[in-house]
Amino acid sequence: MSARRPSRPRARAGRDVTGTELELEVGPVAHGGHCVARTEGEGRVVFVRHALPGERVLARVTEGTEESSFWRADAVRVLRADADRVEPACPVARPGLCGGCDFQHVALPRQRVLKAEVVAEQLRRLAGLDVTAGTDVVVEPVPGDTGDGTDTGDAAGGGGAGLRWRTRTRFAVDAEGRPGLHVHRSHAVVPLDDCPISAPGVVGSGVLGARWGNVEAVEVAAGSDGGPPLAVALPSAGRHAHLPKLPGASLAVRTADGVHRVSGRTWVGERVAAGGREHAFRVSGAGFWQGHRAAPGVLAEAVLEAAAPRPGESALDLYAGAGLFTAVLAAAVGEQGSVLAVEGEERAVRDARRSLHGAPQVELWAGAVEESLADEELAGRSVDVVVLDPPRAGAGRDVVTGVAGLRPRAVVYVACDPAALARDVATFAQHGYRLDGLRAFDLFPQTAHVECVARLVPA
């Protein structure tokens, strides 16, 4: 019997219409950083970036064929502008250039309105909930980012109006060794000498002014402990990296077998005030940590409010990372209580172990969350509160089923993607848990992303 031939990728049917220009009336905002429009006459859906609902624009198609069910396009000229349109702070936050920011052309308060509409729409469509933006769903600003004229600080010095907030930035490197960010939905790199949403420590690291040989990306992390920022280079496959000197930053290289020090230290320090206490953490090799400078404290307080952990209770922290929520839960339940933290990345578990070594009520498990929930030892425990902060794709059916099977009195779900959250809320409902509260935070100003903290309780 002969082996089956591998299938070939299907070519896109129909004539490519990329570059075609259309006059469009722009409709509502949609999940993903674009607005929905329809072509006149035919009524084909067009997802338009760099536009605002209610505007009339000249849009240039960036993806699509005559047979496509929808097209993608950029608004290259505004024929009728919305009152909330502003000039982008970054010279490359424009059609055909950097794809890092979705909403730099939108006034900051309106950005939050658009994000609330997206969250509400996803909860209605995917979770079947009767919620309305502006009443049930409000996206809250965080300190320094209101954009209403009350911001403190300035862009160059450390914040205000949705700029200089990002303490973690991954820069791609082009063929000439210049760091930058990708064009939207493209591998092309736009070289940068500044990134206005990146924190002063990231930009001041010297990464953007350097040249990198045989490196495909550089991850930069600026901690909050006053120490130097950390740049971690990712060499091109099978190549030896040629690295610059960075007098103002630590430098490391990440390979398949770990993060290797070049100069300085291979971690950054973080300090977070929450629950009336300050907590110290170390995060190795530019590992995961909340990107916005205010996010760790804001989210930790929101989690404590939603979970309301009591002294002596048992808590479970899933996708625990470096232990941010583990630390505040441990302080709340005290040494008479217990916190079990589960994290799949070994490096993050080691970081959490260093940061939490003085908390005897904390137990750390290294492993996949799905497998840990199926462990007989965990299944036999009494759990009062579960906190989970899954990756962008969400927790998924198996994890939700496992969490619900523990019958905690409260589940607090931290989500960076409203569609994934809505799908998981629908699954929780099938297992007898209802959405009892939701807070949304603008932790990603100038982009379409939004962070939610949802509380679920037995129905």
Protein backbone atom coordinates (compact mmCIF):
# COMPACT_ATOMS: atom_id res chain seq x y z
CA MET A 1 0.00 0.00 0.00
CA SER A 2 1.52 3.31 -1.06
CA ALA A 3 1.94 6.20 1.35
CA ARG A 4 -0.56 9.00 1.10
CA ARG A 5 0.81 12.12 -0.53
CA PRO A 6 0.82 15.21 1.66
CA SER A 7 -1.91 17.66 0.73
CA ARG A 8 -0.88 20.94 -0.84
CA PRO A 9 -1.99 24.25 0.65
CA ARG A 10 -5.09 25.57 -1.10
CA ALA A 11 -4.44 28.71 -3.08
CA ARG A 12 -6.73 31.64 -2.46
CA ALA A 13 -9.51 31.61 -5.05
CA GLY A 14 -10.20 34.61 -7.26
CA ARG A 15 -8.30 37.70 -8.29
CA ASP A 16 -6.20 39.37 -5.58
CA VAL A 17 -7.71 42.77 -4.79
CA THR A 18 -4.88 44.00 -2.55
CA GLY A 19 -4.32 47.71 -3.21
CA THR A 20 -7.89 48.41 -4.30
CA GLU A 21 -9.22 51.66 -2.82
CA LEU A 22 -12.78 51.98 -1.53
CA GLU A 23 -14.91 54.73 -0.01
CA LEU A 24 -16.51 53.26 3.10
CA GLU A 25 -18.89 54.25 5.88
CA VAL A 26 -17.25 52.82 8.99
CA GLY A 27 -19.42 50.73 11.31
CA PRO A 28 -18.91 49.38 14.85
CA VAL A 29 -15.65 48.39 16.48
CA ALA A 30 -14.84 44.67 16.45
CA HIS A 31 -12.58 42.36 18.43
CA GLY A 32 -9.06 42.68 17.04
CA GLY A 33 -8.39 46.40 16.69
CA HIS A 34 -10.44 47.19 13.61
CA CYS A 35 -13.92 48.46 12.71
CA VAL A 36 -16.47 46.77 10.48
CA ALA A 37 -17.60 48.32 7.21
CA ARG A 38 -19.43 47.04 4.12
CA THR A 39 -18.82 47.81 0.49
CA GLU A 40 -21.57 49.80 -1.18
CA GLY A 41 -23.88 47.70 -3.33
CA GLU A 42 -22.26 44.28 -2.80
CA GLY A 43 -22.21 44.57 1.00
CA ARG A 44 -18.96 42.66 1.44
CA VAL A 45 -17.54 42.91 4.96
CA VAL A 46 -14.33 44.92 5.26
CA PHE A 47 -12.32 45.02 8.49
CA VAL A 48 -10.79 48.50 8.57
CA ARG A 49 -7.86 49.59 10.73
CA HIS A 50 -6.97 53.21 11.54
CA ALA A 51 -10.65 54.21 11.51
CA LEU A 52 -13.40 55.11 13.98
CA PRO A 53 -17.10 54.16 13.98
CA GLY A 54 -19.16 56.70 12.05
CA GLU A 55 -16.31 57.98 9.91
CA ARG A 56 -16.22 57.99 6.14
CA VAL A 57 -12.82 56.95 4.84
CA LEU A 58 -10.89 56.05 1.77
CA ALA A 59 -9.61 52.56 2.56
CA ARG A 60 -6.94 50.55 0.77
CA VAL A 61 -7.38 46.76 0.79
CA THR A 62 -4.45 44.96 2.43
CA GLU A 63 -5.74 41.37 2.15
CA GLY A 64 -8.44 39.74 0.05
CA THR A 65 -9.53 38.22 -3.23
CA GLU A 66 -12.71 38.51 -5.28
CA GLU A 67 -13.93 35.28 -3.66
CA SER A 68 -13.01 36.10 -0.05
CA SER A 69 -15.86 36.33 2.45
CA PHE A 70 -14.25 39.48 3.86
CA TRP A 71 -11.43 41.87 3.12
CA ARG A 72 -8.93 43.66 5.36
CA ALA A 73 -8.07 47.30 4.73
CA ASP A 74 -6.37 50.39 6.13
CA ALA A 75 -8.02 53.81 6.22
CA VAL A 76 -5.49 55.85 4.22
CA ARG A 77 -7.52 59.08 4.06
CA VAL A 78 -10.29 60.35 6.31
CA LEU A 79 -13.13 61.97 4.40
CA ARG A 80 -15.31 62.66 7.46
CA ALA A 81 -13.54 62.52 10.81
CA ASP A 82 -14.95 61.62 14.21
CA ALA A 83 -14.53 64.21 16.97
CA ASP A 84 -12.38 61.74 18.95
CA ARG A 85 -9.76 61.37 16.22
CA VAL A 86 -6.32 62.62 17.30
CA GLU A 87 -2.85 62.79 15.78
CA PRO A 88 -0.85 59.64 16.70
CA ALA A 89 2.03 60.24 19.12
CA CYS A 90 4.27 57.89 17.15
CA PRO A 91 5.35 58.72 13.57
CA VAL A 92 5.11 55.07 12.50
CA ALA A 93 1.68 54.33 14.05
CA ARG A 94 0.12 54.71 10.62
CA PRO A 95 -1.18 52.56 7.74
CA GLY A 96 1.44 50.24 6.30
CA LEU A 97 3.93 50.90 9.08
CA CYS A 98 4.24 49.61 12.67
CA GLY A 99 1.48 47.23 13.76
CA GLY A 100 2.17 47.54 17.50
CA CYS A 101 -0.60 50.05 18.25
CA ASP A 102 -4.21 49.87 17.05
CA PHE A 103 -5.73 53.03 18.51
CA GLN A 104 -3.14 55.82 18.57
CA HIS A 105 -5.48 57.80 16.33
CA VAL A 106 -8.20 57.70 19.02
CA ALA A 107 -8.48 59.91 22.12
CA LEU A 108 -7.72 57.83 25.20
CA PRO A 109 -11.17 58.06 26.89
CA ARG A 110 -12.80 56.91 23.63
CA GLN A 111 -10.36 53.99 23.40
CA ARG A 112 -11.80 52.70 26.67
CA VAL A 113 -15.36 53.09 25.37
CA LEU A 114 -14.47 51.04 22.28
CA LYS A 115 -12.87 48.32 24.41
CA ALA A 116 -15.93 48.16 26.66
CA GLU A 117 -18.09 47.65 23.57
CA VAL A 118 -15.88 44.76 22.47
CA VAL A 119 -15.99 43.07 25.90
CA ALA A 120 -19.77 43.43 26.12
CA GLU A 121 -20.27 42.14 22.58
CA GLN A 122 -18.15 39.04 23.23
CA LEU A 123 -20.03 38.26 26.45
CA ARG A 124 -23.36 38.63 24.66
CA ARG A 125 -22.37 36.59 21.61
CA LEU A 126 -20.27 33.82 23.18
CA ALA A 127 -21.62 33.59 26.73
CA GLY A 128 -25.24 34.56 26.09
CA LEU A 129 -25.19 37.28 28.75
CA ASP A 130 -27.38 40.38 28.70
CA VAL A 131 -24.71 43.03 29.26
CA THR A 132 -24.27 46.58 28.00
CA ALA A 133 -21.12 48.64 27.54
CA GLY A 134 -21.04 51.69 29.77
CA THR A 135 -23.26 50.15 32.44
CA ASP A 136 -22.42 46.47 32.96
CA VAL A 137 -18.99 46.81 31.35
CA VAL A 138 -16.79 49.83 32.02
CA VAL A 139 -13.09 49.88 31.15
CA GLU A 140 -11.25 51.64 33.96
CA PRO A 141 -8.11 53.75 33.52
CA VAL A 142 -5.13 53.06 35.72
CA PRO A 143 -2.97 55.63 37.52
CA GLY A 144 -1.24 58.02 35.13
CA ASP A 145 -3.20 57.00 32.04
CA THR A 146 -6.56 58.78 32.26
CA GLY A 147 -6.01 60.96 29.21
CA ASP A 148 -8.55 63.47 30.53
CA GLY A 149 -6.07 66.19 31.40
CA THR A 150 -5.47 64.98 34.96
CA ASP A 151 -2.52 62.73 34.10
CA THR A 152 0.69 63.22 36.00
CA GLY A 153 4.13 62.93 34.52
CA ASP A 154 5.09 63.26 30.88
CA ALA A 155 5.90 60.92 28.06
CA ALA A 156 9.65 61.33 28.34
CA GLY A 157 9.78 61.10 32.10
CA GLY A 158 7.64 58.10 32.78
CA GLY A 159 4.00 58.19 31.82
CA GLY A 160 0.81 60.07 31.19
CA ALA A 161 -1.83 59.97 28.44
CA GLY A 162 -1.29 56.30 27.68
CA LEU A 163 2.43 56.55 26.89
CA ARG A 164 5.63 55.10 28.43
CA TRP A 165 3.70 52.37 30.25
CA ARG A 166 5.12 49.20 28.70
CA THR A 167 7.86 47.67 30.85
CA ARG A 168 8.28 44.63 28.58
CA THR A 169 8.79 44.97 24.83
CA ARG A 170 9.89 42.37 22.30
CA PHE A 171 11.66 43.99 19.36
CA ALA A 172 12.09 42.11 16.11
CA VAL A 173 15.41 42.50 14.28
CA ASP A 174 15.61 43.05 10.52
CA ALA A 175 18.20 41.66 8.07
CA GLU A 176 20.49 44.63 8.74
CA GLY A 177 20.48 44.05 12.49
CA ARG A 178 18.15 46.98 13.29
CA PRO A 179 15.54 46.46 16.02
CA GLY A 180 11.92 47.46 15.51
CA LEU A 181 8.38 46.13 15.36
CA HIS A 182 6.48 44.22 12.73
CA VAL A 183 4.09 45.66 10.20
CA HIS A 184 0.54 44.48 11.01
CA ARG A 185 0.06 40.83 9.91
CA SER A 186 3.51 40.79 8.30
CA HIS A 187 7.05 39.60 8.95
CA ALA A 188 8.43 42.91 7.68
CA VAL A 189 10.18 44.95 10.40
CA VAL A 190 9.85 48.72 10.85
CA PRO A 191 13.15 49.89 12.42
CA LEU A 192 12.69 52.18 15.43
CA ASP A 193 14.75 54.68 17.35
CA ASP A 194 11.97 55.11 19.92
CA CYS A 195 8.72 53.44 20.97
CA PRO A 196 6.46 55.96 22.75
CA ILE A 197 4.45 53.32 24.61
CA SER A 198 7.59 51.62 25.97
CA ALA A 199 8.82 52.65 29.41
CA PRO A 200 11.86 54.91 29.82
CA GLY A 201 13.89 51.96 31.10
CA VAL A 202 13.13 49.95 27.95
CA VAL A 203 13.99 52.77 25.55
CA GLY A 204 16.94 53.88 27.68
CA SER A 205 18.47 50.40 27.65
CA GLY A 206 20.30 51.24 24.41
CA VAL A 207 18.73 48.32 22.54
CA LEU A 208 17.15 50.45 19.80
CA GLY A 209 20.37 52.29 19.01
CA ALA A 210 22.44 49.10 18.72
CA ARG A 211 23.01 46.63 15.89
CA TRP A 212 22.43 42.92 16.40
CA GLY A 213 24.06 40.22 14.29
CA ASN A 214 22.36 36.87 13.69
CA VAL A 215 19.59 37.80 16.14
CA GLU A 216 15.90 37.48 15.30
CA ALA A 217 14.48 39.33 18.34
CA VAL A 218 15.47 41.13 21.53
CA GLU A 219 13.25 41.09 24.60
CA VAL A 220 13.69 44.03 26.97
CA ALA A 221 12.39 44.14 30.55
CA ALA A 222 12.59 47.10 32.92
CA GLY A 223 11.92 46.19 36.56
CA SER A 224 10.52 48.42 39.29
CA ASP A 225 13.26 47.87 41.87
CA GLY A 226 15.62 50.49 40.46
CA GLY A 227 17.98 47.94 38.93
CA PRO A 228 19.20 47.99 35.32
CA PRO A 229 16.90 46.82 32.51
CA LEU A 230 17.57 43.41 30.98
CA ALA A 231 17.94 42.70 27.26
CA VAL A 232 17.65 39.07 26.18
CA ALA A 233 18.71 38.27 22.61
CA LEU A 234 17.18 35.35 20.70
CA PRO A 235 19.76 34.15 18.13
CA SER A 236 18.69 33.14 14.65
CA ALA A 237 18.35 29.37 14.29
CA GLY A 238 21.71 27.70 14.04
CA ARG A 239 23.64 30.98 14.08
CA HIS A 240 26.10 32.52 16.51
CA ALA A 241 24.80 35.85 17.77
CA HIS A 242 26.96 38.98 17.51
CA LEU A 243 25.95 41.24 20.36
CA PRO A 244 26.56 44.93 21.05
CA LYS A 245 27.70 46.36 24.35
CA LEU A 246 24.92 47.93 26.42
CA PRO A 247 26.47 50.04 29.19
CA GLY A 248 23.06 50.86 30.68
CA ALA A 249 21.58 47.37 30.72
CA SER A 250 22.20 43.74 31.59
CA LEU A 251 22.56 41.46 28.58
CA ALA A 252 21.78 37.77 28.13
CA VAL A 253 21.19 35.24 25.35
CA ARG A 254 18.33 32.75 25.28
CA THR A 255 18.94 29.38 23.65
CA ALA A 256 17.14 26.05 23.76
CA ASP A 257 18.93 25.12 26.98
CA GLY A 258 18.20 28.33 28.90
CA VAL A 259 19.17 31.97 29.43
CA HIS A 260 22.90 32.67 29.51
CA ARG A 261 24.49 35.72 31.09
CA VAL A 262 26.62 38.02 28.94
CA SER A 263 26.86 40.99 31.33
CA GLY A 264 25.03 42.13 34.44
CA ARG A 265 22.27 39.93 35.82
CA THR A 266 19.82 37.56 34.11
CA TRP A 267 16.75 38.83 35.96
CA VAL A 268 14.91 42.00 36.93
CA GLY A 269 13.39 42.87 40.29
CA GLU A 270 9.81 43.92 40.86
CA ARG A 271 8.12 45.52 43.87
CA VAL A 272 4.33 45.50 44.22
CA ALA A 273 2.17 47.14 46.87
CA ALA A 274 -1.12 45.31 47.43
CA GLY A 275 -3.31 44.41 50.37
CA GLY A 276 -1.48 46.86 52.60
CA ARG A 277 1.91 45.18 52.09
CA GLU A 278 4.82 45.44 49.68
CA HIS A 279 5.92 42.25 47.93
CA ALA A 280 9.26 41.69 46.17
CA PHE A 281 9.75 39.42 43.15
CA ARG A 282 12.45 38.47 40.71
CA VAL A 283 11.65 37.62 37.12
CA SER A 284 14.28 35.72 35.17
CA GLY A 285 15.25 36.15 31.55
CA ALA A 286 12.54 38.65 30.60
CA GLY A 287 9.96 36.03 31.61
CA PHE A 288 6.25 36.78 31.91
CA TRP A 289 5.21 39.70 34.05
CA GLN A 290 2.36 42.15 33.56
CA GLY A 291 3.49 44.73 31.01
CA HIS A 292 1.94 47.94 32.27
CA ARG A 293 3.93 49.57 35.05
CA ALA A 294 0.73 49.88 37.19
CA ALA A 295 -0.74 46.48 36.26
CA PRO A 296 0.67 44.24 39.02
CA GLY A 297 -0.70 46.40 41.83
CA VAL A 298 -4.00 47.14 40.11
CA LEU A 299 -4.67 43.47 39.31
CA ALA A 300 -3.52 42.20 42.71
CA GLU A 301 -5.95 44.56 44.46
CA ALA A 302 -8.77 43.59 42.06
CA VAL A 303 -8.12 39.89 42.66
CA LEU A 304 -8.17 40.38 46.43
CA GLU A 305 -11.42 42.32 46.20
CA ALA A 306 -13.07 39.66 44.04
CA ALA A 307 -11.77 36.61 45.92
CA ALA A 308 -12.12 38.11 49.43
CA PRO A 309 -9.80 35.42 50.87
CA ARG A 310 -10.23 34.87 54.62
CA PRO A 311 -7.65 33.86 57.22
CA GLY A 312 -7.34 30.08 57.34
CA GLU A 313 -8.86 29.44 53.90
CA SER A 314 -7.41 27.31 51.11
CA ALA A 315 -6.62 28.97 47.76
CA LEU A 316 -5.51 27.64 44.40
CA ASP A 317 -3.53 29.87 42.00
CA LEU A 318 -3.42 28.49 38.45
CA TYR A 319 -1.00 29.76 35.78
CA ALA A 320 0.78 31.37 38.70
CA GLY A 321 3.81 32.72 36.83
CA ALA A 322 6.36 34.31 39.15
CA GLY A 323 3.87 34.25 42.02
CA LEU A 324 2.17 37.68 41.99
CA PHE A 325 -1.28 36.48 43.02
CA THR A 326 0.18 33.65 45.11
CA ALA A 327 1.93 36.22 47.31
CA VAL A 328 -1.13 38.37 47.98
CA LEU A 329 -3.34 35.31 48.56
CA ALA A 330 -0.79 33.89 51.01
CA ALA A 331 -0.73 37.15 52.97
CA ALA A 332 -4.53 37.16 53.13
CA VAL A 333 -5.06 33.54 54.26
CA GLY A 334 -2.14 33.68 56.69
CA GLU A 335 -0.02 30.83 57.97
CA GLN A 336 -3.14 28.98 59.14
CA GLY A 337 -4.35 28.89 55.54
CA SER A 338 -2.79 27.44 52.39
CA VAL A 339 -2.08 28.41 48.79
CA LEU A 340 -1.21 25.92 46.07
CA ALA A 341 0.34 27.58 43.01
CA VAL A 342 0.57 25.73 39.69
CA GLU A 343 2.77 26.93 36.82
CA GLY A 344 4.00 25.12 33.72
CA GLU A 345 7.24 27.00 33.14
CA GLU A 346 10.06 25.73 35.33
CA ARG A 347 11.91 29.06 35.28
CA ALA A 348 8.86 30.91 36.61
CA VAL A 349 8.44 28.31 39.35
CA ARG A 350 12.05 28.84 40.41
CA ASP A 351 11.46 32.58 40.53
CA ALA A 352 8.33 32.10 42.63
CA ARG A 353 10.20 29.78 44.99
CA ARG A 354 12.88 32.44 45.58
CA SER A 355 10.31 35.19 46.10
CA LEU A 356 8.03 33.16 48.40
CA HIS A 357 10.53 31.15 50.42
CA GLY A 358 9.39 32.90 53.60
CA ALA A 359 5.74 31.87 53.22
CA PRO A 360 5.31 28.35 54.71
CA GLN A 361 1.63 28.27 53.68
CA VAL A 362 2.61 28.25 49.97
CA GLU A 363 3.10 25.07 47.96
CA LEU A 364 4.44 25.26 44.40
CA TRP A 365 3.75 22.72 41.68
CA ALA A 366 5.62 22.74 38.37
CA GLY A 367 3.49 21.25 35.62
CA ALA A 368 0.62 21.70 33.20
CA VAL A 369 -2.54 23.05 34.81
CA GLU A 370 -4.71 20.44 33.08
CA GLU A 371 -2.62 17.59 34.48
CA SER A 372 -2.47 19.11 37.97
CA LEU A 373 -6.26 19.44 38.13
CA ALA A 374 -6.53 15.73 37.28
CA ASP A 375 -4.11 14.79 40.08
CA GLU A 376 -5.78 12.71 42.78
CA GLU A 377 -4.04 14.68 45.51
CA LEU A 378 -5.61 17.93 44.36
CA ALA A 379 -8.98 16.35 43.64
CA GLY A 380 -9.18 15.28 47.27
CA ARG A 381 -8.53 18.75 48.68
CA SER A 382 -11.00 21.29 49.93
CA VAL A 383 -10.50 24.53 47.97
CA ASP A 384 -12.25 27.75 48.95
CA VAL A 385 -10.98 30.10 46.25
CA VAL A 386 -9.48 29.58 42.81
CA VAL A 387 -7.60 32.29 40.91
CA LEU A 388 -6.56 31.66 37.32
CA ASP A 389 -4.70 33.84 34.84
CA PRO A 390 -4.48 31.74 31.67
CA PRO A 391 -2.70 32.65 28.43
CA ARG A 392 -4.49 34.57 25.68
CA ALA A 393 -6.20 31.45 24.33
CA GLY A 394 -8.04 31.03 27.64
CA ALA A 395 -8.31 28.17 30.09
CA GLY A 396 -10.37 25.86 27.90
CA ARG A 397 -13.00 23.25 28.66
CA ASP A 398 -10.80 20.76 30.52
CA VAL A 399 -9.45 23.35 32.95
CA VAL A 400 -12.84 24.94 33.55
CA THR A 401 -14.35 21.52 34.20
CA GLY A 402 -11.56 20.70 36.65
CA VAL A 403 -11.91 24.00 38.51
CA ALA A 404 -15.68 23.70 38.77
CA GLY A 405 -15.31 20.14 40.05
CA LEU A 406 -13.45 21.47 43.11
CA ARG A 407 -16.60 23.48 44.02
CA PRO A 408 -14.82 26.59 45.33
CA ARG A 409 -17.00 29.33 46.79
CA ALA A 410 -15.47 31.79 44.30
CA VAL A 411 -13.46 31.66 41.08
CA VAL A 412 -11.52 34.75 40.01
CA TYR A 413 -10.56 34.70 36.34
CA VAL A 414 -7.98 37.19 35.04
CA ALA A 415 -8.26 37.45 31.26
CA CYS A 416 -6.35 39.34 28.57
CA ASP A 417 -8.70 38.28 25.76
CA PRO A 418 -12.47 38.97 26.01
CA ALA A 419 -13.42 36.26 23.51
CA ALA A 420 -11.53 33.57 25.43
CA LEU A 421 -13.05 34.83 28.68
CA ALA A 422 -16.56 34.71 27.23
CA ARG A 423 -16.11 31.14 25.98
CA ASP A 424 -14.86 30.02 29.38
CA VAL A 425 -17.67 31.87 31.21
CA ALA A 426 -20.13 29.92 29.04
CA THR A 427 -18.43 26.65 30.02
CA PHE A 428 -18.51 27.62 33.71
CA ALA A 429 -22.26 28.18 33.34
CA GLN A 430 -22.65 24.61 32.11
CA HIS A 431 -21.01 23.49 35.36
CA GLY A 432 -23.19 25.58 37.65
CA TYR A 433 -21.16 28.81 37.99
CA ARG A 434 -22.45 32.26 37.05
CA LEU A 435 -20.69 35.54 36.40
CA ASP A 436 -21.10 37.58 39.58
CA GLY A 437 -18.87 40.56 38.83
CA LEU A 438 -16.59 41.97 36.18
CA ARG A 439 -13.98 44.72 36.17
CA ALA A 440 -12.08 45.70 33.04
CA PHE A 441 -8.85 47.71 33.02
CA ASP A 442 -7.09 49.66 30.30
CA LEU A 443 -3.70 48.03 30.86
CA PHE A 444 -2.75 48.30 27.17
CA PRO A 445 -3.34 51.94 26.14
CA GLN A 446 -3.10 52.72 22.41
CA THR A 447 -3.79 49.06 21.57
CA ALA A 448 -7.00 47.05 21.25
CA HIS A 449 -6.15 44.83 24.23
CA VAL A 450 -7.98 44.97 27.55
CA GLU A 451 -7.60 43.07 30.83
CA CYS A 452 -10.63 41.74 32.71
CA VAL A 453 -11.06 40.37 36.23
CA ALA A 454 -14.19 38.23 36.46
CA ARG A 455 -15.74 36.70 39.59
CA LEU A 456 -17.75 33.48 39.24
CA VAL A 457 -19.79 31.91 42.01
CA PRO A 458 -22.08 28.88 42.30
CA ALA A 459 -25.40 29.60 40.60
